[in-house]
Amino acid sequence: MVGIQPAGFKGWAIQIGIDALKIAVKQGGSILSYALKFLDKDAAKYVKSNSSKMTKALDKLDNWIDEA
């Protein structure tokens, strides 16, 4: 029986989530604006001013998962 193993599926789901976050942070727009509505004012300001740092951290996490 061929199928997705639980660890493989979880890894895939995490990978998709990271990719979605990277796109939202890089592209901004309505997706990021919607997400920032749920944060307090200071957290939203931090996200807006540090998006490049967040993108780099997500890239590192993505690479770490690929190597695991």
PDB file of N, CA and C in Angstrom:
ATOM      1  N   MET A   1       0.832  -1.179   0.000  1.00  0.00           N
ATOM      2  CA  MET A   1       0.000   0.000   0.000  1.00  0.00           C
ATOM      3  C   MET A   1       0.880   1.248   0.000  1.00  0.00           C
ATOM      4  N   VAL A   2       0.698   2.087  -0.982  1.00  0.00           N
ATOM      5  CA  VAL A   2       1.476   3.313  -1.102  1.00  0.00           C
ATOM      6  C   VAL A   2       0.645   4.463  -0.555  1.00  0.00           C
ATOM      7  N   GLY A   3       1.284   5.311   0.226  1.00  0.00           N
ATOM      8  CA  GLY A   3       0.574   6.458   0.782  1.00  0.00           C
ATOM      9  C   GLY A   3       1.547   7.416   1.433  1.00  0.00           C
ATOM     10  N   ILE A   4       0.996   8.484   1.931  1.00  0.00           N
ATOM     11  CA  ILE A   4       1.808   9.491   2.600  1.00  0.00           C
ATOM     12  C   ILE A   4       2.003   9.063   4.044  1.00  0.00           C
ATOM     13  N   GLN A   5       3.246   9.018   4.488  1.00  0.00           N
ATOM     14  CA  GLN A   5       3.536   8.699   5.867  1.00  0.00           C
ATOM     15  C   GLN A   5       3.183   9.905   6.735  1.00  0.00           C
ATOM     16  N   PRO A   6       2.794   9.710   7.992  1.00  0.00           N
ATOM     17  CA  PRO A   6       2.418  10.829   8.847  1.00  0.00           C
ATOM     18  C   PRO A   6       3.486  11.908   8.946  1.00  0.00           C
ATOM     19  N   ALA A   7       4.755  11.503   9.157  1.00  0.00           N
ATOM     20  CA  ALA A   7       5.826  12.489   9.269  1.00  0.00           C
ATOM     21  C   ALA A   7       5.999  13.233   7.947  1.00  0.00           C
ATOM     22  N   GLY A   8       5.853  12.527   6.842  1.00  0.00           N
ATOM     23  CA  GLY A   8       5.978  13.154   5.542  1.00  0.00           C
ATOM     24  C   GLY A   8       4.869  14.152   5.281  1.00  0.00           C
ATOM     25  N   PHE A   9       3.663  13.787   5.682  1.00  0.00           N
ATOM     26  CA  PHE A   9       2.542  14.695   5.485  1.00  0.00           C
ATOM     27  C   PHE A   9       2.682  15.927   6.365  1.00  0.00           C
ATOM     28  N   LYS A  10       3.102  15.731   7.619  1.00  0.00           N
ATOM     29  CA  LYS A  10       3.300  16.866   8.516  1.00  0.00           C
ATOM     30  C   LYS A  10       4.388  17.790   7.979  1.00  0.00           C
ATOM     31  N   GLY A  11       5.464  17.211   7.497  1.00  0.00           N
ATOM     32  CA  GLY A  11       6.541  18.015   6.922  1.00  0.00           C
ATOM     33  C   GLY A  11       6.059  18.796   5.717  1.00  0.00           C
ATOM     34  N   TRP A  12       5.275  18.142   4.891  1.00  0.00           N
ATOM     35  CA  TRP A  12       4.728  18.807   3.708  1.00  0.00           C
ATOM     36  C   TRP A  12       3.808  19.957   4.124  1.00  0.00           C
ATOM     37  N   ALA A  13       2.952  19.731   5.119  1.00  0.00           N
ATOM     38  CA  ALA A  13       2.028  20.757   5.580  1.00  0.00           C
ATOM     39  C   ALA A  13       2.782  21.948   6.179  1.00  0.00           C
ATOM     40  N   ILE A  14       3.833  21.665   6.934  1.00  0.00           N
ATOM     41  CA  ILE A  14       4.647  22.745   7.500  1.00  0.00           C
ATOM     42  C   ILE A  14       5.321  23.527   6.388  1.00  0.00           C
ATOM     43  N   GLN A  15       5.828  22.818   5.390  1.00  0.00           N
ATOM     44  CA  GLN A  15       6.490  23.458   4.251  1.00  0.00           C
ATOM     45  C   GLN A  15       5.519  24.399   3.523  1.00  0.00           C
ATOM     46  N   ILE A  16       4.301  23.968   3.313  1.00  0.00           N
ATOM     47  CA  ILE A  16       3.296  24.799   2.652  1.00  0.00           C
ATOM     48  C   ILE A  16       2.998  26.034   3.502  1.00  0.00           C
ATOM     49  N   GLY A  17       2.895  25.847   4.811  1.00  0.00           N
ATOM     50  CA  GLY A  17       2.642  26.971   5.705  1.00  0.00           C
ATOM     51  C   GLY A  17       3.755  28.000   5.675  1.00  0.00           C
ATOM     52  N   ILE A  18       4.995  27.523   5.678  1.00  0.00           N
ATOM     53  CA  ILE A  18       6.141  28.434   5.611  1.00  0.00           C
ATOM     54  C   ILE A  18       6.135  29.191   4.296  1.00  0.00           C
ATOM     55  N   ASP A  19       5.881  28.488   3.206  1.00  0.00           N
ATOM     56  CA  ASP A  19       5.828  29.145   1.896  1.00  0.00           C
ATOM     57  C   ASP A  19       4.733  30.209   1.852  1.00  0.00           C
ATOM     58  N   ALA A  20       3.588  29.912   2.430  1.00  0.00           N
ATOM     59  CA  ALA A  20       2.490  30.885   2.453  1.00  0.00           C
ATOM     60  C   ALA A  20       2.875  32.112   3.269  1.00  0.00           C
ATOM     61  N   LEU A  21       3.533  31.898   4.404  1.00  0.00           N
ATOM     62  CA  LEU A  21       3.985  33.034   5.218  1.00  0.00           C
ATOM     63  C   LEU A  21       5.004  33.882   4.468  1.00  0.00           C
ATOM     64  N   LYS A  22       5.944  33.218   3.779  1.00  0.00           N
ATOM     65  CA  LYS A  22       6.951  33.972   3.026  1.00  0.00           C
ATOM     66  C   LYS A  22       6.298  34.832   1.948  1.00  0.00           C
ATOM     67  N   ILE A  23       5.346  34.276   1.250  1.00  0.00           N
ATOM     68  CA  ILE A  23       4.656  35.040   0.208  1.00  0.00           C
ATOM     69  C   ILE A  23       3.901  36.209   0.815  1.00  0.00           C
ATOM     70  N   ALA A  24       3.215  35.963   1.923  1.00  0.00           N
ATOM     71  CA  ALA A  24       2.451  37.038   2.569  1.00  0.00           C
ATOM     72  C   ALA A  24       3.356  38.155   3.042  1.00  0.00           C
ATOM     73  N   VAL A  25       4.499  37.810   3.623  1.00  0.00           N
ATOM     74  CA  VAL A  25       5.413  38.832   4.139  1.00  0.00           C
ATOM     75  C   VAL A  25       6.095  39.570   2.989  1.00  0.00           C
ATOM     76  N   LYS A  26       6.537  38.822   1.964  1.00  0.00           N
ATOM     77  CA  LYS A  26       7.228  39.453   0.834  1.00  0.00           C
ATOM     78  C   LYS A  26       6.297  40.338   0.012  1.00  0.00           C
ATOM     79  N   GLN A  27       5.125  39.834  -0.275  1.00  0.00           N
ATOM     80  CA  GLN A  27       4.224  40.538  -1.176  1.00  0.00           C
ATOM     81  C   GLN A  27       3.368  41.585  -0.478  1.00  0.00           C
ATOM     82  N   GLY A  28       3.148  41.371   0.822  1.00  0.00           N
ATOM     83  CA  GLY A  28       2.306  42.319   1.561  1.00  0.00           C
ATOM     84  C   GLY A  28       0.888  42.278   1.036  1.00  0.00           C
ATOM     85  N   GLY A  29       0.339  43.424   0.782  1.00  0.00           N
ATOM     86  CA  GLY A  29      -0.983  43.515   0.198  1.00  0.00           C
ATOM     87  C   GLY A  29      -2.083  43.102   1.155  1.00  0.00           C
ATOM     88  N   SER A  30      -3.182  42.654   0.587  1.00  0.00           N
ATOM     89  CA  SER A  30      -4.379  42.379   1.374  1.00  0.00           C
ATOM     90  C   SER A  30      -4.203  41.203   2.335  1.00  0.00           C
ATOM     91  N   ILE A  31      -3.395  40.212   1.962  1.00  0.00           N
ATOM     92  CA  ILE A  31      -3.187  39.065   2.839  1.00  0.00           C
ATOM     93  C   ILE A  31      -2.492  39.505   4.124  1.00  0.00           C
ATOM     94  N   LEU A  32      -1.427  40.280   3.971  1.00  0.00           N
ATOM     95  CA  LEU A  32      -0.692  40.748   5.146  1.00  0.00           C
ATOM     96  C   LEU A  32      -1.540  41.724   5.950  1.00  0.00           C
ATOM     97  N   SER A  33      -2.245  42.599   5.280  1.00  0.00           N
ATOM     98  CA  SER A  33      -3.116  43.545   5.991  1.00  0.00           C
ATOM     99  C   SER A  33      -4.168  42.816   6.815  1.00  0.00           C
ATOM    100  N   TYR A  34      -4.733  41.768   6.259  1.00  0.00           N
ATOM    101  CA  TYR A  34      -5.733  40.978   6.984  1.00  0.00           C
ATOM    102  C   TYR A  34      -5.124  40.337   8.223  1.00  0.00           C
ATOM    103  N   ALA A  35      -3.935  39.760   8.069  1.00  0.00           N
ATOM    104  CA  ALA A  35      -3.275  39.101   9.199  1.00  0.00           C
ATOM    105  C   ALA A  35      -2.905  40.106  10.288  1.00  0.00           C
ATOM    106  N   LEU A  36      -2.492  41.303   9.891  1.00  0.00           N
ATOM    107  CA  LEU A  36      -2.079  42.307  10.869  1.00  0.00           C
ATOM    108  C   LEU A  36      -3.249  42.847  11.677  1.00  0.00           C
ATOM    109  N   LYS A  37      -4.454  42.698  11.184  1.00  0.00           N
ATOM    110  CA  LYS A  37      -5.633  43.147  11.928  1.00  0.00           C
ATOM    111  C   LYS A  37      -5.767  42.418  13.261  1.00  0.00           C
ATOM    112  N   PHE A  38      -5.235  41.192  13.330  1.00  0.00           N
ATOM    113  CA  PHE A  38      -5.352  40.392  14.540  1.00  0.00           C
ATOM    114  C   PHE A  38      -4.239  40.669  15.548  1.00  0.00           C
ATOM    115  N   LEU A  39      -3.268  41.476  15.171  1.00  0.00           N
ATOM    116  CA  LEU A  39      -2.168  41.821  16.064  1.00  0.00           C
ATOM    117  C   LEU A  39      -2.409  43.177  16.699  1.00  0.00           C
ATOM    118  N   ASP A  40      -1.754  43.416  17.829  1.00  0.00           N
ATOM    119  CA  ASP A  40      -1.868  44.750  18.409  1.00  0.00           C
ATOM    120  C   ASP A  40      -1.031  45.730  17.586  1.00  0.00           C
ATOM    121  N   LYS A  41      -1.175  47.002  17.872  1.00  0.00           N
ATOM    122  CA  LYS A  41      -0.556  48.050  17.053  1.00  0.00           C
ATOM    123  C   LYS A  41       0.966  47.923  16.995  1.00  0.00           C
ATOM    124  N   ASP A  42       1.596  47.648  18.146  1.00  0.00           N
ATOM    125  CA  ASP A  42       3.055  47.529  18.177  1.00  0.00           C
ATOM    126  C   ASP A  42       3.551  46.313  17.394  1.00  0.00           C
ATOM    127  N   ALA A  43       2.864  45.189  17.512  1.00  0.00           N
ATOM    128  CA  ALA A  43       3.260  43.984  16.786  1.00  0.00           C
ATOM    129  C   ALA A  43       3.114  44.189  15.278  1.00  0.00           C
ATOM    130  N   ALA A  44       2.036  44.844  14.868  1.00  0.00           N
ATOM    131  CA  ALA A  44       1.829  45.112  13.442  1.00  0.00           C
ATOM    132  C   ALA A  44       2.931  46.022  12.908  1.00  0.00           C
ATOM    133  N   LYS A  45       3.307  47.017  13.692  1.00  0.00           N
ATOM    134  CA  LYS A  45       4.381  47.932  13.284  1.00  0.00           C
ATOM    135  C   LYS A  45       5.699  47.171  13.146  1.00  0.00           C
ATOM    136  N   TYR A  46       5.968  46.258  14.086  1.00  0.00           N
ATOM    137  CA  TYR A  46       7.191  45.456  14.035  1.00  0.00           C
ATOM    138  C   TYR A  46       7.226  44.611  12.762  1.00  0.00           C
ATOM    139  N   VAL A  47       6.113  43.959  12.450  1.00  0.00           N
ATOM    140  CA  VAL A  47       6.054  43.113  11.252  1.00  0.00           C
ATOM    141  C   VAL A  47       6.317  43.954  10.005  1.00  0.00           C
ATOM    142  N   LYS A  48       5.692  45.101   9.926  1.00  0.00           N
ATOM    143  CA  LYS A  48       5.865  45.957   8.748  1.00  0.00           C
ATOM    144  C   LYS A  48       7.308  46.426   8.600  1.00  0.00           C
ATOM    145  N   SER A  49       7.955  46.786   9.710  1.00  0.00           N
ATOM    146  CA  SER A  49       9.305  47.347   9.616  1.00  0.00           C
ATOM    147  C   SER A  49      10.395  46.278   9.545  1.00  0.00           C
ATOM    148  N   ASN A  50      10.089  45.028   9.858  1.00  0.00           N
ATOM    149  CA  ASN A  50      11.094  43.968   9.859  1.00  0.00           C
ATOM    150  C   ASN A  50      10.750  42.817   8.926  1.00  0.00           C
ATOM    151  N   SER A  51      10.014  43.094   7.886  1.00  0.00           N
ATOM    152  CA  SER A  51       9.591  42.015   6.986  1.00  0.00           C
ATOM    153  C   SER A  51      10.766  41.318   6.313  1.00  0.00           C
ATOM    154  N   SER A  52      11.847  42.052   6.006  1.00  0.00           N
ATOM    155  CA  SER A  52      12.996  41.403   5.366  1.00  0.00           C
ATOM    156  C   SER A  52      13.681  40.439   6.331  1.00  0.00           C
ATOM    157  N   LYS A  53      13.767  40.789   7.614  1.00  0.00           N
ATOM    158  CA  LYS A  53      14.345  39.885   8.605  1.00  0.00           C
ATOM    159  C   LYS A  53      13.477  38.639   8.755  1.00  0.00           C
ATOM    160  N   MET A  54      12.172  38.833   8.742  1.00  0.00           N
ATOM    161  CA  MET A  54      11.264  37.703   8.867  1.00  0.00           C
ATOM    162  C   MET A  54      11.390  36.772   7.670  1.00  0.00           C
ATOM    163  N   THR A  55      11.511  37.339   6.492  1.00  0.00           N
ATOM    164  CA  THR A  55      11.656  36.534   5.283  1.00  0.00           C
ATOM    165  C   THR A  55      12.944  35.718   5.330  1.00  0.00           C
ATOM    166  N   LYS A  56      14.045  36.337   5.783  1.00  0.00           N
ATOM    167  CA  LYS A  56      15.319  35.615   5.896  1.00  0.00           C
ATOM    168  C   LYS A  56      15.205  34.470   6.903  1.00  0.00           C
ATOM    169  N   ALA A  57      14.536  34.730   8.033  1.00  0.00           N
ATOM    170  CA  ALA A  57      14.361  33.684   9.041  1.00  0.00           C
ATOM    171  C   ALA A  57      13.510  32.538   8.501  1.00  0.00           C
ATOM    172  N   LEU A  58      12.461  32.865   7.752  1.00  0.00           N
ATOM    173  CA  LEU A  58      11.623  31.823   7.151  1.00  0.00           C
ATOM    174  C   LEU A  58      12.398  31.025   6.112  1.00  0.00           C
ATOM    175  N   ASP A  59      13.283  31.697   5.352  1.00  0.00           N
ATOM    176  CA  ASP A  59      14.128  30.995   4.386  1.00  0.00           C
ATOM    177  C   ASP A  59      15.061  30.012   5.102  1.00  0.00           C
ATOM    178  N   LYS A  60      15.642  30.454   6.220  1.00  0.00           N
ATOM    179  CA  LYS A  60      16.523  29.572   6.988  1.00  0.00           C
ATOM    180  C   LYS A  60      15.746  28.368   7.517  1.00  0.00           C
ATOM    181  N   LEU A  61      14.553  28.618   8.023  1.00  0.00           N
ATOM    182  CA  LEU A  61      13.719  27.523   8.527  1.00  0.00           C
ATOM    183  C   LEU A  61      13.362  26.554   7.405  1.00  0.00           C
ATOM    184  N   ASP A  62      13.022  27.102   6.269  1.00  0.00           N
ATOM    185  CA  ASP A  62      12.694  26.286   5.090  1.00  0.00           C
ATOM    186  C   ASP A  62      13.877  25.407   4.702  1.00  0.00           C
ATOM    187  N   ASN A  63      15.068  25.968   4.664  1.00  0.00           N
ATOM    188  CA  ASN A  63      16.270  25.207   4.307  1.00  0.00           C
ATOM    189  C   ASN A  63      16.575  24.141   5.359  1.00  0.00           C
ATOM    190  N   TRP A  64      16.373  24.481   6.639  1.00  0.00           N
ATOM    191  CA  TRP A  64      16.623  23.534   7.721  1.00  0.00           C
ATOM    192  C   TRP A  64      15.708  22.325   7.584  1.00  0.00           C
ATOM    193  N   ILE A  65      14.448  22.585   7.263  1.00  0.00           N
ATOM    194  CA  ILE A  65      13.485  21.480   7.102  1.00  0.00           C
ATOM    195  C   ILE A  65      13.866  20.625   5.901  1.00  0.00           C
ATOM    196  N   ASP A  66      14.324  21.259   4.814  1.00  0.00           N
ATOM    197  CA  ASP A  66      14.736  20.492   3.634  1.00  0.00           C
ATOM    198  C   ASP A  66      15.903  19.569   3.937  1.00  0.00           C
ATOM    199  N   GLU A  67      16.811  20.027   4.808  1.00  0.00           N
ATOM    200  CA  GLU A  67      18.000  19.242   5.133  1.00  0.00           C
ATOM    201  C   GLU A  67      17.729  18.149   6.153  1.00  0.00           C
ATOM    202  N   ALA A  68      16.638  18.266   6.894  1.00  0.00           N
ATOM    203  CA  ALA A  68      16.330  17.283   7.966  1.00  0.00           C
ATOM    204  C   ALA A  68      15.904  15.957   7.396  1.00  0.00           C
TER     205      ALA A  68
END
